[in-house]
C-alpha cells in the first residue's frame, strides 16, 4: 500500500490536488462533462455565479472510513469542526487546506460553504482517499 512506502510512484492524490489548486487560481466556468476530481475546469451547473472552489474531503488510512475533520476556528476552545476543505497550497507531497464551514445563511443555497481562517497542512502519505464535492463559489477567498 502506498502509504506504507516512501516512494515517488504513489503521488496520485498530490497530482489531483495540484490540478485542483491550478483550477482554483484560474477559476472560470466551463461546460459540464465527467464530474471527476481531475476535471479540467471548475463548473457551476445552473448558477450564474462563477465557481472558485472545488471542495474536498480527505480520508486517512487509520480513520476507519470517517473523513478527516478540523476545527473551523484557531481558538483552542472551539469545538465546531468541518470535514470540507479548500486546497490552498501544494508543496511536494504536502497539502495546505483551508477549512470550510457550512454557510450559516440557510436561505443562500447557491453558496453552501464559507471560508474560515483555519488552515492545516497534511502529509499526503497519511491520506488514502480524496473525495471531491460539487464546484462552488466561496466568498472571502
N, C-alpha and C. Protein backbone atom coordinates (compact mmCIF):
# COMPACT_ATOMS: atom_id res chain seq x y z
N UNK A 1 0.84 -1.17 0.00
CA UNK A 1 0.00 0.00 0.00
C UNK A 1 0.88 1.23 0.00
N UNK A 2 0.52 2.24 -0.76
CA UNK A 2 1.36 3.41 -0.94
C UNK A 2 1.71 4.11 0.36
N UNK A 3 0.77 4.21 1.28
CA UNK A 3 1.01 4.98 2.50
C UNK A 3 2.02 4.32 3.42
N UNK A 4 2.38 3.07 3.17
CA UNK A 4 3.38 2.41 3.99
C UNK A 4 4.76 2.48 3.35
N UNK A 5 4.86 3.00 2.15
CA UNK A 5 6.13 3.08 1.43
C UNK A 5 6.44 4.53 1.11
N UNK A 6 7.70 4.89 1.21
CA UNK A 6 8.13 6.23 0.80
C UNK A 6 8.70 6.13 -0.60
N UNK A 7 7.80 6.09 -1.62
CA UNK A 7 8.29 6.04 -2.99
C UNK A 7 7.58 7.10 -3.82
N UNK A 8 8.16 7.44 -4.93
CA UNK A 8 7.64 8.50 -5.77
C UNK A 8 6.53 8.04 -6.70
N UNK A 9 6.16 6.77 -6.67
CA UNK A 9 5.14 6.26 -7.57
C UNK A 9 3.73 6.50 -7.04
N UNK A 10 3.58 6.86 -5.79
CA UNK A 10 2.27 7.00 -5.16
C UNK A 10 1.93 8.46 -4.95
N UNK A 11 1.78 9.18 -6.02
CA UNK A 11 1.51 10.61 -5.94
C UNK A 11 0.18 10.98 -6.58
N UNK A 12 -0.73 10.02 -6.77
CA UNK A 12 -1.97 10.34 -7.49
C UNK A 12 -2.79 11.40 -6.77
N UNK A 13 -2.87 11.35 -5.45
CA UNK A 13 -3.65 12.36 -4.73
C UNK A 13 -2.97 13.72 -4.82
N UNK A 14 -1.66 13.76 -4.67
CA UNK A 14 -0.93 15.03 -4.79
C UNK A 14 -1.10 15.63 -6.18
N UNK A 15 -1.06 14.79 -7.21
CA UNK A 15 -1.23 15.30 -8.57
C UNK A 15 -2.63 15.85 -8.80
N UNK A 16 -3.66 15.18 -8.30
CA UNK A 16 -5.03 15.67 -8.45
C UNK A 16 -5.21 16.97 -7.67
N UNK A 17 -4.66 17.04 -6.47
CA UNK A 17 -4.79 18.27 -5.69
C UNK A 17 -4.06 19.43 -6.36
N UNK A 18 -2.96 19.14 -7.04
CA UNK A 18 -2.26 20.19 -7.80
C UNK A 18 -3.14 20.71 -8.92
N UNK A 19 -3.84 19.83 -9.62
CA UNK A 19 -4.78 20.24 -10.66
C UNK A 19 -5.87 21.12 -10.07
N UNK A 20 -6.42 20.71 -8.94
CA UNK A 20 -7.48 21.49 -8.30
C UNK A 20 -6.97 22.88 -7.91
N UNK A 21 -5.77 22.96 -7.37
CA UNK A 21 -5.20 24.24 -6.98
C UNK A 21 -5.04 25.16 -8.19
N UNK A 22 -4.53 24.64 -9.29
CA UNK A 22 -4.38 25.44 -10.51
C UNK A 22 -5.73 25.92 -11.01
N UNK A 23 -6.73 25.05 -11.01
CA UNK A 23 -8.07 25.44 -11.44
C UNK A 23 -8.64 26.55 -10.57
N UNK A 24 -8.44 26.45 -9.28
CA UNK A 24 -8.97 27.46 -8.37
C UNK A 24 -8.29 28.80 -8.59
N UNK A 25 -6.99 28.77 -8.89
CA UNK A 25 -6.26 30.01 -9.14
C UNK A 25 -6.71 30.67 -10.44
N UNK A 26 -7.16 29.88 -11.40
CA UNK A 26 -7.60 30.38 -12.70
C UNK A 26 -9.10 30.17 -12.88
N UNK A 27 -9.86 30.34 -11.82
CA UNK A 27 -11.28 29.95 -11.79
C UNK A 27 -12.10 30.60 -12.90
N UNK A 28 -12.60 29.73 -13.78
CA UNK A 28 -13.58 30.10 -14.79
C UNK A 28 -14.53 28.93 -14.94
N UNK A 29 -15.73 29.21 -15.32
CA UNK A 29 -16.70 28.13 -15.50
C UNK A 29 -16.62 27.60 -16.93
N UNK A 30 -16.88 26.32 -17.08
CA UNK A 30 -16.88 25.69 -18.38
C UNK A 30 -18.10 24.82 -18.55
N UNK A 31 -18.14 24.08 -19.64
CA UNK A 31 -19.25 23.16 -19.89
C UNK A 31 -19.08 21.92 -19.04
N UNK A 32 -20.18 21.31 -18.64
CA UNK A 32 -20.12 20.11 -17.81
C UNK A 32 -19.82 18.88 -18.66
N UNK A 33 -19.08 17.97 -18.09
CA UNK A 33 -18.89 16.64 -18.66
C UNK A 33 -18.67 15.70 -17.49
N UNK A 34 -17.65 14.88 -17.50
CA UNK A 34 -17.42 13.97 -16.39
C UNK A 34 -17.19 14.75 -15.10
N UNK A 35 -17.91 14.40 -14.09
CA UNK A 35 -17.84 15.11 -12.81
C UNK A 35 -16.82 14.43 -11.91
N UNK A 36 -15.52 14.51 -12.28
CA UNK A 36 -14.45 13.86 -11.55
C UNK A 36 -13.57 14.89 -10.86
N UNK A 37 -12.75 14.44 -9.91
CA UNK A 37 -11.86 15.34 -9.19
C UNK A 37 -10.87 16.04 -10.10
N UNK A 38 -10.41 15.35 -11.15
CA UNK A 38 -9.39 15.93 -12.03
C UNK A 38 -9.97 16.54 -13.30
N UNK A 39 -11.29 16.83 -13.31
CA UNK A 39 -11.92 17.52 -14.44
C UNK A 39 -11.17 18.83 -14.68
N UNK A 40 -10.89 19.17 -15.90
CA UNK A 40 -10.02 20.28 -16.27
C UNK A 40 -10.60 21.67 -16.15
N UNK A 41 -11.72 21.85 -15.48
CA UNK A 41 -12.29 23.18 -15.28
C UNK A 41 -13.20 23.13 -14.07
N UNK A 42 -13.50 24.31 -13.53
CA UNK A 42 -14.49 24.40 -12.45
C UNK A 42 -15.83 24.70 -13.08
N UNK A 43 -16.83 23.92 -12.77
CA UNK A 43 -18.14 24.10 -13.36
C UNK A 43 -19.18 24.41 -12.31
N UNK A 44 -20.17 25.21 -12.71
CA UNK A 44 -21.15 25.70 -11.74
C UNK A 44 -22.53 25.12 -11.93
N UNK A 45 -22.79 24.42 -12.98
CA UNK A 45 -24.15 23.98 -13.24
C UNK A 45 -25.02 25.13 -13.67
N UNK A 46 -26.14 25.32 -12.98
CA UNK A 46 -27.11 26.32 -13.42
C UNK A 46 -26.95 27.66 -12.73
N UNK A 47 -26.00 27.81 -11.83
CA UNK A 47 -25.86 29.10 -11.16
C UNK A 47 -25.20 30.11 -12.08
N UNK A 48 -25.45 31.39 -11.81
CA UNK A 48 -24.84 32.43 -12.62
C UNK A 48 -23.55 32.93 -12.00
N UNK A 49 -23.26 32.52 -10.78
CA UNK A 49 -22.06 32.95 -10.09
C UNK A 49 -20.90 32.06 -10.51
N UNK A 50 -19.74 32.64 -10.76
CA UNK A 50 -18.58 31.85 -11.14
C UNK A 50 -18.07 31.00 -10.00
N UNK A 51 -17.61 29.81 -10.31
CA UNK A 51 -17.05 28.93 -9.29
C UNK A 51 -15.59 29.28 -9.04
N UNK A 52 -15.18 29.20 -7.80
CA UNK A 52 -13.78 29.44 -7.48
C UNK A 52 -13.20 28.36 -6.57
N UNK A 53 -13.99 27.32 -6.28
CA UNK A 53 -13.54 26.31 -5.33
C UNK A 53 -14.09 24.94 -5.71
N UNK A 54 -13.22 23.92 -5.61
CA UNK A 54 -13.65 22.53 -5.68
C UNK A 54 -13.45 21.96 -4.28
N UNK A 55 -14.50 21.98 -3.45
CA UNK A 55 -14.37 21.48 -2.08
C UNK A 55 -13.98 20.00 -2.06
N UNK A 56 -13.17 19.65 -1.08
CA UNK A 56 -12.71 18.27 -0.97
C UNK A 56 -12.92 17.75 0.45
N UNK A 57 -12.94 16.43 0.54
CA UNK A 57 -12.90 15.73 1.81
C UNK A 57 -11.71 14.77 1.73
N UNK A 58 -11.01 14.60 2.83
CA UNK A 58 -9.83 13.74 2.88
C UNK A 58 -10.08 12.61 3.88
N UNK A 59 -9.56 11.44 3.55
CA UNK A 59 -9.69 10.28 4.43
C UNK A 59 -8.29 9.71 4.67
N UNK A 60 -8.01 9.35 5.90
CA UNK A 60 -6.72 8.76 6.23
C UNK A 60 -6.87 7.25 6.34
N UNK A 61 -5.74 6.55 6.26
CA UNK A 61 -5.75 5.09 6.31
C UNK A 61 -6.25 4.57 7.66
N UNK A 62 -6.00 5.29 8.72
CA UNK A 62 -6.41 4.80 10.03
C UNK A 62 -7.65 5.54 10.54
N UNK A 63 -8.41 6.14 9.65
CA UNK A 63 -9.60 6.88 10.05
C UNK A 63 -10.86 6.04 10.09
N UNK A 64 -10.76 4.74 9.82
CA UNK A 64 -11.90 3.82 9.86
C UNK A 64 -13.06 4.29 9.00
N UNK A 65 -12.77 4.87 7.84
CA UNK A 65 -13.81 5.29 6.90
C UNK A 65 -14.43 6.64 7.21
N UNK A 66 -14.00 7.27 8.28
CA UNK A 66 -14.53 8.60 8.62
C UNK A 66 -13.65 9.67 7.99
N UNK A 67 -14.26 10.74 7.47
CA UNK A 67 -13.45 11.81 6.88
C UNK A 67 -12.65 12.57 7.94
N UNK A 68 -11.53 13.13 7.50
CA UNK A 68 -10.68 13.96 8.35
C UNK A 68 -11.48 15.18 8.76
N UNK A 69 -11.41 15.59 10.02
CA UNK A 69 -12.11 16.79 10.49
C UNK A 69 -11.11 17.73 11.15
N UNK A 70 -11.39 19.01 11.03
CA UNK A 70 -10.56 20.04 11.65
C UNK A 70 -11.47 21.13 12.22
N UNK A 71 -11.00 21.85 13.25
CA UNK A 71 -11.79 22.94 13.83
C UNK A 71 -11.98 24.07 12.82
N UNK A 72 -13.10 24.76 12.91
CA UNK A 72 -13.36 25.87 11.98
C UNK A 72 -12.76 27.17 12.48
N UNK A 73 -12.10 27.13 13.63
CA UNK A 73 -11.51 28.33 14.23
C UNK A 73 -10.14 28.00 14.78
N UNK A 74 -9.30 29.03 14.92
CA UNK A 74 -7.99 28.85 15.55
C UNK A 74 -8.09 28.89 17.07
N UNK A 75 -9.24 29.24 17.58
CA UNK A 75 -9.48 29.29 19.03
C UNK A 75 -9.41 27.88 19.60
N UNK A 76 -8.49 27.61 20.54
CA UNK A 76 -8.36 26.26 21.09
C UNK A 76 -9.63 25.78 21.81
N UNK A 77 -10.48 26.69 22.22
CA UNK A 77 -11.71 26.30 22.90
C UNK A 77 -12.83 25.95 21.92
N UNK A 78 -12.62 26.21 20.62
CA UNK A 78 -13.64 25.94 19.61
C UNK A 78 -13.85 24.44 19.48
N UNK A 79 -15.12 24.04 19.49
CA UNK A 79 -15.44 22.62 19.37
C UNK A 79 -16.11 22.27 18.05
N UNK A 80 -16.49 23.29 17.27
CA UNK A 80 -17.14 23.03 15.98
C UNK A 80 -16.09 22.64 14.96
N UNK A 81 -16.34 21.57 14.23
CA UNK A 81 -15.39 21.10 13.23
C UNK A 81 -16.08 20.98 11.87
N UNK A 82 -15.26 20.80 10.85
CA UNK A 82 -15.76 20.59 9.50
C UNK A 82 -14.89 19.53 8.84
N UNK A 83 -15.48 18.84 7.87
CA UNK A 83 -14.72 17.86 7.09
C UNK A 83 -14.64 18.26 5.63
N UNK A 84 -14.89 19.53 5.34
CA UNK A 84 -14.84 20.05 3.98
C UNK A 84 -13.75 21.11 3.91
N UNK A 85 -12.90 20.99 2.87
CA UNK A 85 -11.72 21.83 2.78
C UNK A 85 -11.52 22.40 1.38
N UNK A 86 -10.69 23.44 1.30
CA UNK A 86 -10.29 24.05 0.03
C UNK A 86 -8.77 23.97 -0.06
N UNK A 87 -8.24 23.45 -1.15
CA UNK A 87 -6.79 23.38 -1.36
C UNK A 87 -6.26 24.80 -1.50
N UNK A 88 -5.24 25.13 -0.72
CA UNK A 88 -4.63 26.46 -0.78
C UNK A 88 -3.18 26.42 -1.26
N UNK A 89 -2.49 25.29 -1.04
CA UNK A 89 -1.08 25.21 -1.42
C UNK A 89 -0.66 23.75 -1.50
N UNK A 90 0.21 23.45 -2.46
CA UNK A 90 0.84 22.12 -2.56
C UNK A 90 2.34 22.35 -2.51
N UNK A 91 3.01 21.59 -1.66
CA UNK A 91 4.46 21.67 -1.57
C UNK A 91 4.98 20.25 -1.50
N UNK A 92 5.42 19.73 -2.65
CA UNK A 92 5.85 18.34 -2.71
C UNK A 92 4.68 17.42 -2.43
N UNK A 93 4.79 16.62 -1.38
CA UNK A 93 3.73 15.70 -1.03
C UNK A 93 2.91 16.21 0.16
N UNK A 94 2.96 17.52 0.42
CA UNK A 94 2.18 18.13 1.49
C UNK A 94 1.16 19.09 0.89
N UNK A 95 -0.03 19.10 1.47
CA UNK A 95 -1.08 20.00 1.02
C UNK A 95 -1.50 20.86 2.20
N UNK A 96 -1.68 22.16 1.95
CA UNK A 96 -2.24 23.06 2.94
C UNK A 96 -3.66 23.36 2.51
N UNK A 97 -4.59 23.18 3.44
CA UNK A 97 -6.01 23.38 3.14
C UNK A 97 -6.62 24.40 4.08
N UNK A 98 -7.62 25.08 3.57
CA UNK A 98 -8.45 25.97 4.37
C UNK A 98 -9.70 25.18 4.77
N UNK A 99 -10.09 25.30 6.01
CA UNK A 99 -11.31 24.64 6.48
C UNK A 99 -12.50 25.48 6.02
N UNK A 100 -13.47 24.81 5.41
CA UNK A 100 -14.71 25.46 5.00
C UNK A 100 -15.80 25.10 6.00
N UNK A 101 -16.64 26.08 6.32
CA UNK A 101 -17.75 25.85 7.24
C UNK A 101 -19.06 25.93 6.47
N UNK A 102 -20.09 25.24 6.95
CA UNK A 102 -21.39 25.39 6.29
C UNK A 102 -21.84 26.84 6.34
N UNK A 103 -22.45 27.29 5.28
CA UNK A 103 -22.93 28.67 5.22
C UNK A 103 -24.04 28.84 6.25
N UNK A 104 -23.87 29.78 7.19
CA UNK A 104 -24.91 29.98 8.21
C UNK A 104 -26.19 30.58 7.63
N UNK A 105 -26.10 31.20 6.44
CA UNK A 105 -27.28 31.76 5.77
C UNK A 105 -27.96 30.64 5.00
N UNK A 106 -28.88 29.96 5.63
CA UNK A 106 -29.52 28.80 5.03
C UNK A 106 -30.45 29.17 3.87
N UNK A 107 -30.72 30.46 3.67
CA UNK A 107 -31.54 30.87 2.52
C UNK A 107 -30.70 30.95 1.26
N UNK A 108 -29.38 30.96 1.39
CA UNK A 108 -28.47 31.07 0.25
C UNK A 108 -27.97 29.68 -0.13
N UNK A 109 -28.80 28.91 -0.83
CA UNK A 109 -28.43 27.54 -1.17
C UNK A 109 -27.36 27.46 -2.25
N UNK A 110 -27.17 28.52 -3.03
CA UNK A 110 -26.15 28.51 -4.08
C UNK A 110 -24.74 28.61 -3.51
N UNK A 111 -24.62 29.01 -2.26
CA UNK A 111 -23.31 29.13 -1.62
C UNK A 111 -23.33 28.25 -0.36
N UNK A 112 -22.95 26.97 -0.51
CA UNK A 112 -23.08 26.04 0.61
C UNK A 112 -22.01 26.20 1.70
N UNK A 113 -20.87 26.85 1.38
CA UNK A 113 -19.78 26.96 2.34
C UNK A 113 -19.27 28.38 2.45
N UNK A 114 -18.70 28.69 3.60
CA UNK A 114 -18.00 29.95 3.80
C UNK A 114 -16.57 29.64 4.19
N UNK A 115 -15.67 30.54 3.83
CA UNK A 115 -14.25 30.37 4.16
C UNK A 115 -14.04 30.67 5.64
N UNK A 116 -13.14 29.93 6.26
CA UNK A 116 -12.73 30.23 7.62
C UNK A 116 -11.27 30.68 7.58
N UNK A 117 -10.76 31.09 8.72
CA UNK A 117 -9.35 31.45 8.81
C UNK A 117 -8.57 30.32 9.50
N UNK A 118 -9.08 29.11 9.36
CA UNK A 118 -8.45 27.93 9.94
C UNK A 118 -7.81 27.12 8.81
N UNK A 119 -6.53 26.81 8.97
CA UNK A 119 -5.76 26.09 7.96
C UNK A 119 -5.05 24.91 8.61
N UNK A 120 -4.69 23.93 7.80
CA UNK A 120 -3.85 22.82 8.25
C UNK A 120 -3.03 22.33 7.08
N UNK A 121 -1.92 21.68 7.39
CA UNK A 121 -1.07 21.07 6.37
C UNK A 121 -1.01 19.58 6.66
N UNK A 122 -1.22 18.78 5.61
CA UNK A 122 -1.22 17.33 5.76
C UNK A 122 -0.18 16.72 4.83
N UNK A 123 0.58 15.78 5.37
CA UNK A 123 1.47 14.96 4.55
C UNK A 123 0.58 13.96 3.82
N UNK A 124 0.61 13.98 2.51
CA UNK A 124 -0.29 13.12 1.74
C UNK A 124 0.04 11.64 1.85
N UNK A 125 1.17 11.31 2.49
CA UNK A 125 1.45 9.91 2.80
C UNK A 125 0.40 9.37 3.77
N UNK A 126 -0.24 10.27 4.52
CA UNK A 126 -1.26 9.88 5.50
C UNK A 126 -2.65 9.80 4.89
N UNK A 127 -2.80 10.27 3.67
CA UNK A 127 -4.11 10.35 3.03
C UNK A 127 -4.26 9.20 2.03
N UNK A 128 -5.40 8.49 2.12
CA UNK A 128 -5.59 7.38 1.19
C UNK A 128 -6.78 7.59 0.26
N UNK A 129 -7.69 8.52 0.60
CA UNK A 129 -8.86 8.77 -0.25
C UNK A 129 -9.11 10.27 -0.33
N UNK A 130 -9.44 10.71 -1.53
CA UNK A 130 -9.83 12.09 -1.80
C UNK A 130 -11.23 12.06 -2.36
N UNK A 131 -12.13 12.83 -1.78
CA UNK A 131 -13.49 12.94 -2.30
C UNK A 131 -13.73 14.39 -2.69
N UNK A 132 -14.15 14.61 -3.92
CA UNK A 132 -14.46 15.96 -4.39
C UNK A 132 -15.96 16.18 -4.32
N UNK A 133 -16.33 17.38 -3.89
CA UNK A 133 -17.72 17.77 -3.83
C UNK A 133 -18.01 18.70 -5.00
N UNK A 134 -19.25 19.12 -5.17
CA UNK A 134 -19.61 19.98 -6.29
C UNK A 134 -18.86 21.30 -6.26
N UNK A 135 -18.37 21.72 -7.43
CA UNK A 135 -17.71 23.02 -7.54
C UNK A 135 -18.67 24.10 -7.09
N UNK A 136 -18.12 25.13 -6.45
CA UNK A 136 -18.96 26.17 -5.90
C UNK A 136 -18.20 27.48 -5.81
N UNK A 137 -18.89 28.51 -5.37
CA UNK A 137 -18.27 29.80 -5.09
C UNK A 137 -18.17 29.93 -3.58
N UNK A 138 -16.99 30.33 -3.10
CA UNK A 138 -16.78 30.58 -1.67
C UNK A 138 -16.33 32.02 -1.53
N UNK A 139 -17.08 32.80 -0.76
CA UNK A 139 -16.73 34.20 -0.56
C UNK A 139 -15.52 34.34 0.33
N UNK A 140 -14.85 35.49 0.22
CA UNK A 140 -13.72 35.85 1.07
C UNK A 140 -12.54 34.91 0.92
N UNK A 141 -12.23 34.52 -0.29
CA UNK A 141 -11.05 33.70 -0.54
C UNK A 141 -9.91 34.62 -0.89
